[in-house]
Protein backbone atom coordinates (compact mmCIF):
# COMPACT_ATOMS: atom_id res chain seq x y z
CA MET A 1 -19.24 -18.46 21.96
CA ARG A 2 -20.88 -16.90 18.91
CA VAL A 3 -20.02 -18.24 15.46
CA TRP A 4 -21.21 -17.97 11.88
CA GLU A 5 -21.53 -21.37 10.23
CA LEU A 6 -22.96 -23.30 7.33
CA ARG A 7 -25.11 -26.05 8.84
CA ARG A 8 -27.69 -27.30 6.34
CA ALA A 9 -26.30 -26.42 2.90
CA PHE A 10 -23.57 -24.67 0.95
CA GLU A 11 -25.31 -21.43 0.01
CA LEU A 12 -25.27 -17.87 1.30
CA ASP A 13 -28.80 -18.12 2.69
CA ALA A 14 -27.63 -21.07 4.81
CA LEU A 15 -24.93 -19.01 6.57
CA GLU A 16 -26.36 -18.65 10.07
CA ALA A 17 -25.34 -17.32 13.47
CA GLY A 18 -24.94 -19.98 16.12
CA ASP A 19 -23.28 -20.98 19.37
CA ARG A 20 -20.48 -23.43 20.08
CA PRO A 21 -18.60 -24.25 23.28
CA ALA A 22 -15.59 -22.03 23.88
CA PRO A 23 -12.38 -24.03 23.24
CA GLU A 24 -9.62 -24.88 25.71
CA PRO A 25 -6.02 -25.35 24.58
CA CYS A 26 -4.37 -28.77 24.57
CA ARG A 27 -0.62 -29.26 24.67
CA GLY A 28 1.10 -27.24 21.95
CA GLU A 29 -2.02 -25.20 21.22
CA VAL A 30 -3.23 -21.65 21.81
CA VAL A 31 -6.68 -20.10 22.03
CA LEU A 32 -7.25 -16.84 20.19
CA LYS A 33 -9.90 -14.26 20.95
CA MET A 34 -10.67 -13.28 17.37
CA ARG A 35 -10.71 -9.56 16.67
CA ALA A 36 -11.35 -9.28 12.95
CA ALA A 37 -11.72 -11.22 9.71
CA SER A 38 -11.52 -10.30 6.03
CA LEU A 39 -13.16 -11.76 2.94
CA ASN A 40 -11.52 -13.31 -0.11
CA TYR A 41 -13.03 -14.56 -3.37
CA ARG A 42 -12.26 -18.10 -2.18
CA ASP A 43 -14.59 -17.58 0.80
CA THR A 44 -17.53 -16.86 -1.48
CA LEU A 45 -16.79 -20.02 -3.47
CA VAL A 46 -16.69 -22.07 -0.26
CA VAL A 47 -20.02 -20.67 0.92
CA HIS A 48 -21.63 -21.50 -2.42
CA GLY A 49 -20.19 -25.03 -2.44
CA ALA A 50 -17.99 -24.31 -5.46
CA TYR A 51 -14.62 -24.85 -3.77
CA GLY A 52 -13.15 -27.89 -2.05
CA PRO A 53 -14.75 -31.33 -2.50
CA ARG A 54 -13.51 -32.29 0.99
CA ASN A 55 -15.51 -29.57 2.73
CA THR A 56 -18.23 -30.94 4.98
CA LEU A 57 -20.99 -29.45 7.13
CA PRO A 58 -21.15 -27.90 9.62
CA LEU A 59 -18.40 -25.49 8.65
CA ILE A 60 -17.25 -22.11 9.97
CA PRO A 61 -16.10 -20.28 6.80
CA VAL A 62 -13.50 -17.56 6.04
CA SER A 63 -9.76 -18.12 6.12
CA ASP A 64 -8.31 -14.70 7.03
CA GLY A 65 -8.38 -13.23 10.50
CA VAL A 66 -6.44 -11.87 13.44
CA GLY A 67 -6.81 -12.52 17.14
CA GLU A 68 -5.24 -12.10 20.56
CA VAL A 69 -3.74 -15.06 22.40
CA VAL A 70 -5.82 -15.52 25.57
CA ALA A 71 -4.73 -19.01 26.65
CA VAL A 72 -1.78 -21.32 25.97
CA GLY A 73 -1.38 -25.05 26.42
CA ASP A 74 1.55 -26.88 27.95
CA GLY A 75 4.80 -26.67 26.03
CA VAL A 76 3.91 -23.57 24.01
CA THR A 77 6.95 -21.42 23.23
CA ARG A 78 6.03 -19.47 20.08
CA ALA A 79 3.38 -17.27 21.68
CA ALA A 80 2.35 -15.75 24.99
CA VAL A 81 -0.93 -14.42 26.33
CA GLY A 82 -1.51 -10.97 24.89
CA ASP A 83 0.25 -11.55 21.56
CA ARG A 84 -1.67 -10.45 18.49
CA VAL A 85 -1.35 -13.10 15.78
CA CYS A 86 -2.83 -14.36 12.54
CA PRO A 87 -3.71 -18.03 12.15
CA MET A 88 -2.01 -19.28 8.98
CA PHE A 89 -4.11 -20.19 5.95
CA PHE A 90 -2.23 -23.47 5.55
CA GLN A 91 -1.84 -24.78 9.07
CA SER A 92 0.75 -27.41 8.08
CA TRP A 93 2.87 -25.42 5.60
CA LEU A 94 5.52 -24.00 7.90
CA GLY A 95 8.31 -23.62 5.34
CA GLY A 96 10.01 -25.08 2.31
CA PRO A 97 8.31 -26.00 -0.97
CA PRO A 98 4.60 -26.87 -1.06
CA SER A 99 3.31 -30.45 -1.04
CA GLN A 100 0.02 -32.27 -0.96
CA ALA A 101 0.37 -32.85 2.78
CA LYS A 102 1.07 -29.15 3.43
CA PHE A 103 -1.97 -28.15 1.39
CA ALA A 104 -4.33 -30.51 3.23
CA ALA A 105 -5.12 -28.35 6.26
CA SER A 106 -6.51 -24.97 5.15
CA LEU A 107 -8.74 -22.68 7.20
CA GLY A 108 -12.27 -21.93 6.09
CA GLY A 109 -12.52 -25.35 4.44
CA PRO A 110 -11.91 -28.13 5.13
CA LEU A 111 -10.89 -26.82 8.59
CA ASP A 112 -13.18 -24.43 10.44
CA GLY A 113 -12.36 -20.80 9.70
CA VAL A 114 -12.18 -17.56 11.65
CA LEU A 115 -15.82 -16.39 11.96
CA CYS A 116 -15.92 -17.23 15.66
CA GLU A 117 -15.29 -15.40 18.91
CA PHE A 118 -12.60 -17.86 20.04
CA MET A 119 -10.40 -20.17 18.00
CA ARG A 120 -8.04 -23.00 18.97
CA VAL A 121 -5.00 -23.60 16.77
CA ALA A 122 -1.60 -25.24 17.03
CA GLU A 123 1.14 -22.83 18.09
CA ASP A 124 2.99 -23.71 14.86
CA GLY A 125 0.03 -22.41 12.86
CA ILE A 126 0.23 -18.76 13.96
CA ALA A 127 2.48 -15.77 13.35
CA LYS A 128 2.72 -12.33 14.95
CA VAL A 129 1.52 -9.26 13.06
CA PRO A 130 3.09 -5.79 12.73
CA ALA A 131 2.12 -3.54 15.62
CA HIS A 132 1.21 -0.52 13.48
CA LEU A 133 -1.69 -2.31 11.77
CA SER A 134 -5.28 -2.05 12.95
CA ASP A 135 -7.19 -5.27 13.50
CA ALA A 136 -9.13 -4.75 10.26
CA GLU A 137 -5.84 -4.31 8.38
CA ALA A 138 -4.02 -7.21 10.05
CA ALA A 139 -6.91 -9.54 9.22
CA CYS A 140 -6.11 -9.08 5.51
CA LEU A 141 -2.65 -10.67 5.67
CA PRO A 142 -2.89 -14.51 5.76
CA CYS A 143 -4.31 -15.18 2.29
CA ALA A 144 -4.63 -12.00 0.23
CA ALA A 145 -1.39 -10.30 1.23
CA LEU A 146 0.66 -13.50 1.31
CA THR A 147 -0.56 -14.57 -2.13
CA ALA A 148 0.50 -11.21 -3.56
CA TRP A 149 3.83 -11.37 -1.70
CA ARG A 150 4.75 -14.72 -3.21
CA ALA A 151 3.53 -13.70 -6.66
CA VAL A 152 5.66 -10.55 -6.68
CA ILE A 153 8.54 -11.21 -4.28
CA GLY A 154 8.85 -14.84 -3.16
CA GLN A 155 8.26 -16.64 -6.44
CA GLY A 156 8.06 -13.64 -8.76
CA ARG A 157 11.49 -12.26 -7.82
CA VAL A 158 10.59 -8.80 -9.11
CA ARG A 159 13.63 -6.52 -9.23
CA PRO A 160 14.12 -2.73 -9.33
CA GLY A 161 13.24 -1.39 -12.75
CA ASP A 162 11.00 -4.30 -13.74
CA VAL A 163 7.64 -3.49 -15.30
CA VAL A 164 4.80 -5.22 -13.44
CA VAL A 165 1.20 -5.33 -14.69
CA VAL A 166 -1.51 -5.94 -12.06
CA GLN A 167 -5.06 -6.85 -13.02
CA GLY A 168 -7.76 -5.22 -10.93
CA THR A 169 -8.07 -3.26 -7.71
CA GLY A 170 -9.27 -5.91 -5.26
CA GLY A 171 -7.43 -7.10 -2.18
CA VAL A 172 -4.72 -9.27 -3.78
CA ALA A 173 -4.23 -6.77 -6.62
CA LEU A 174 -3.58 -3.79 -4.37
CA PHE A 175 -1.17 -5.77 -2.21
CA ALA A 176 0.65 -6.69 -5.44
CA VAL A 177 0.86 -3.01 -6.35
CA GLN A 178 2.28 -2.13 -2.94
CA PHE A 179 4.84 -4.97 -2.90
CA ALA A 180 5.95 -4.26 -6.48
CA LYS A 181 6.56 -0.61 -5.58
CA LEU A 182 8.55 -1.72 -2.52
CA ALA A 183 10.72 -3.75 -4.91
CA GLY A 184 11.37 -0.68 -7.06
CA ALA A 185 9.23 -1.76 -10.01
CA ARG A 186 7.28 0.32 -12.48
CA VAL A 187 3.64 -0.69 -12.03
CA ILE A 188 0.79 -0.66 -14.55
CA VAL A 189 -2.71 -1.30 -13.15
CA LEU A 190 -5.76 -2.48 -15.09
CA SER A 191 -9.28 -1.76 -13.85
CA SER A 192 -12.78 -1.21 -15.16
CA THR A 193 -13.40 2.32 -13.86
CA ASP A 194 -11.46 5.57 -14.06
CA GLU A 195 -12.30 6.27 -10.41
CA LYS A 196 -10.55 3.10 -9.23
CA LEU A 197 -7.62 3.79 -11.53
CA ALA A 198 -7.21 7.25 -10.02
CA ARG A 199 -7.10 5.69 -6.56
CA ALA A 200 -4.55 3.16 -7.80
CA ARG A 201 -2.34 6.03 -8.97
CA ASP A 202 -2.64 7.59 -5.51
CA LEU A 203 -1.40 4.26 -4.14
CA GLY A 204 1.67 4.37 -6.36
CA ALA A 205 0.71 2.95 -9.76
CA ASP A 206 2.84 4.54 -12.46
CA GLU A 207 0.40 3.99 -15.34
CA THR A 208 -3.17 2.76 -15.57
CA ILE A 209 -5.37 1.25 -18.27
CA ASN A 210 -9.17 1.07 -18.29
CA TYR A 211 -9.79 -2.35 -19.82
CA ARG A 212 -13.42 -1.53 -20.63
CA SER A 213 -12.62 1.54 -22.71
CA THR A 214 -9.41 -0.13 -23.95
CA PRO A 215 -10.35 -3.79 -24.59
CA GLY A 216 -7.04 -4.32 -26.39
CA TRP A 217 -5.16 -3.61 -23.18
CA ASP A 218 -2.40 -6.05 -24.11
CA MET A 219 -1.40 -3.76 -26.97
CA ALA A 220 -1.65 -0.76 -24.63
CA VAL A 221 0.88 -2.49 -22.34
CA LYS A 222 3.14 -3.05 -25.34
CA ASP A 223 2.85 0.65 -26.26
CA LEU A 224 3.82 1.66 -22.72
CA THR A 225 6.87 -0.60 -22.81
CA GLY A 226 8.34 0.31 -26.18
CA GLY A 227 6.85 -2.76 -27.85
CA GLU A 228 8.56 -5.23 -25.49
CA GLY A 229 5.81 -6.09 -23.00
CA CYS A 230 5.96 -6.27 -19.23
CA ASP A 231 8.47 -8.29 -17.20
CA HIS A 232 5.87 -9.69 -14.85
CA LEU A 233 2.09 -9.88 -14.92
CA VAL A 234 -0.17 -10.69 -11.96
CA GLU A 235 -3.04 -12.61 -13.57
CA LEU A 236 -6.27 -12.46 -11.58
CA GLY A 237 -8.89 -12.58 -14.31
CA GLY A 238 -8.67 -16.20 -15.43
CA ALA A 239 -10.07 -17.68 -18.60
CA ASP A 240 -11.08 -14.45 -20.34
CA THR A 241 -7.82 -12.59 -19.71
CA LEU A 242 -5.04 -15.17 -19.87
CA GLU A 243 -4.40 -14.96 -23.61
CA ARG A 244 -4.08 -11.18 -23.50
CA SER A 245 -1.80 -11.56 -20.46
CA ILE A 246 0.46 -13.84 -22.49
CA ARG A 247 0.57 -11.32 -25.33
CA ALA A 248 1.26 -8.44 -22.93
CA THR A 249 4.29 -10.15 -21.36
CA ARG A 250 7.75 -9.83 -22.86
CA ILE A 251 9.73 -12.75 -24.22
CA GLY A 252 11.20 -14.52 -21.20
CA GLY A 253 8.78 -12.82 -18.80
CA THR A 254 6.72 -14.24 -15.96
CA ILE A 255 2.97 -14.56 -15.37
CA SER A 256 1.78 -15.28 -11.84
CA LEU A 257 -1.58 -17.01 -12.20
CA ILE A 258 -3.73 -16.43 -9.11
CA GLY A 259 -7.36 -15.79 -9.91
CA VAL A 260 -10.17 -17.29 -11.96
CA LEU A 261 -12.67 -14.45 -11.69
CA SER A 262 -13.80 -14.81 -15.31
CA GLY A 263 -13.72 -18.59 -15.43
CA ALA A 264 -11.52 -21.59 -14.72
CA ALA A 265 -11.18 -23.19 -18.16
CA ALA A 266 -9.18 -21.38 -20.85
CA ALA A 267 -8.39 -22.42 -24.42
CA ILE A 268 -4.87 -21.16 -25.09
CA ALA A 269 -2.64 -21.62 -28.13
CA LEU A 270 0.36 -23.26 -26.47
CA PRO A 271 2.90 -21.86 -28.96
CA LEU A 272 2.15 -18.44 -27.46
CA ILE A 273 3.81 -19.67 -24.27
CA VAL A 274 6.48 -21.89 -25.80
CA MET A 275 7.77 -19.52 -28.46
CA ARG A 276 7.83 -16.59 -26.03
CA HIS A 277 9.77 -18.56 -23.36
CA LEU A 278 7.23 -17.51 -20.75
CA ARG A 279 7.25 -18.67 -17.16
CA LEU A 280 3.63 -19.35 -16.15
CA GLN A 281 3.46 -20.04 -12.41
CA GLY A 282 0.49 -20.82 -10.21
CA ILE A 283 0.40 -19.14 -6.79
CA THR A 284 -1.54 -20.57 -3.85
CA VAL A 285 -0.95 -18.47 -0.70
CA GLY A 286 2.31 -19.43 1.09
CA SER A 287 4.03 -20.85 4.15
CA ARG A 288 4.45 -19.50 7.67
CA ASP A 289 8.06 -18.62 6.82
CA ASP A 290 6.80 -16.62 3.83
CA PHE A 291 4.29 -14.85 6.07
CA GLU A 292 6.95 -13.87 8.60
CA ALA A 293 9.24 -12.51 5.86
CA MET A 294 6.30 -10.49 4.48
CA ALA A 295 5.40 -9.20 7.94
CA ARG A 296 8.97 -7.96 8.45
CA ALA A 297 8.79 -6.04 5.17
CA ILE A 298 5.38 -4.58 6.04
CA ASP A 299 6.71 -3.50 9.43
CA ARG A 300 9.94 -2.06 8.01
CA HIS A 301 8.12 0.04 5.42
CA GLN A 302 5.02 0.74 7.58
CA LEU A 303 2.85 -0.50 4.72
CA ARG A 304 -0.90 -0.42 5.36
CA PRO A 305 -3.45 -2.71 3.68
CA ILE A 306 -6.30 -0.98 1.85
CA VAL A 307 -9.59 -1.68 3.64
CA ASP A 308 -12.68 -0.55 1.75
CA ARG A 309 -15.31 -1.16 4.48
CA VAL A 310 -15.62 -2.76 7.91
CA PHE A 311 -18.76 -4.70 8.90
CA ALA A 312 -19.95 -5.67 12.36
CA PHE A 313 -19.98 -9.35 13.38
CA GLY A 314 -23.75 -9.37 13.12
CA GLN A 315 -23.53 -8.25 9.48
CA VAL A 316 -21.64 -11.22 8.04
CA PRO A 317 -24.25 -12.12 5.37
CA ALA A 318 -24.37 -8.46 4.33
CA ALA A 319 -20.56 -8.43 4.05
CA PHE A 320 -20.66 -11.45 1.71
CA ALA A 321 -23.43 -9.87 -0.36
CA ALA A 322 -21.48 -6.61 -0.64
CA PHE A 323 -18.31 -8.46 -1.65
CA GLU A 324 -20.12 -10.23 -4.47
CA ALA A 325 -22.08 -7.20 -5.68
CA GLU A 326 -19.73 -4.25 -5.28
CA ARG A 327 -16.22 -5.39 -6.31
CA PRO A 328 -14.64 -3.30 -3.52
CA PHE A 329 -11.43 -1.30 -3.82
CA GLY A 330 -9.23 -3.35 -1.53
CA LYS A 331 -10.57 -5.51 1.26
CA LEU A 332 -13.82 -5.94 3.19
CA SER A 333 -13.21 -6.65 6.87
CA ILE A 334 -15.47 -7.90 9.65
CA ARG A 335 -15.06 -6.71 13.23
CA ILE A 336 -15.40 -9.65 15.65
CA GLY A 337 -14.09 -8.42 19.01
């Protein structure tokens, strides 16, 4: 079968097409014919060797994908041939709170990822996807969508009438916008271009702020909320944005910390958090139970992920280059099947 893998080094130029034997299922396992994949910021870090000290070569990168079950091993009950499923980002986190053991087995590093024509996984490590989604859309769910779901719904507990601020218009950000609107929230989106902000309003954003033309966007959020600040902020920027996020959030509010796009080390005056009674929570994807709850909501509301572009399987390096250079609106997907 065809694969894309890192063989000789962790760098984009070392991502090469190759061949591996097609897998056969063992007891309790299924084989998926992969149909599509999608890229996350984490995938670029893995390829460049900047994520995961336990990652070793050779490695098939990319965590998010969707496939069709084409073979099942003995004892399999959760899936049948013909089912369309996503392999879970965390193969061992089936439910309950996270733990070190549940975080140990993640796709796209240290485990091989989804850039392959066929993939063998444990039946416990898959979940069915809503039928109305295309393959390119369904491939966006395991990491990007689930991270946003837990930030807004699972851990965030956003309620009708809450004010939610979302940073950016990438994959996780737009899922956060969609889930917050499903919850009945008022949503404020930050982005660097008026064009992207207009598209965010078409998606349901109630107000938008261009953080380049309005560098004091935390005060703009305060102005939009009568001086109180937002109830919940989805923090994707990292080091350069966290202090403003703290100032933009109301006393007793919540910040879901997801991304480190502007850096991983921030110098923050701790009294800003303590005296404002803020809840600062880190979000790292979610469990299979979380995924299945999210999938039910997506199906019930016929929500559709926002896919910016779809690349062919032979264009994987170009897809990575575009992701790093273009800051897409939504997700970049790769057609495998």
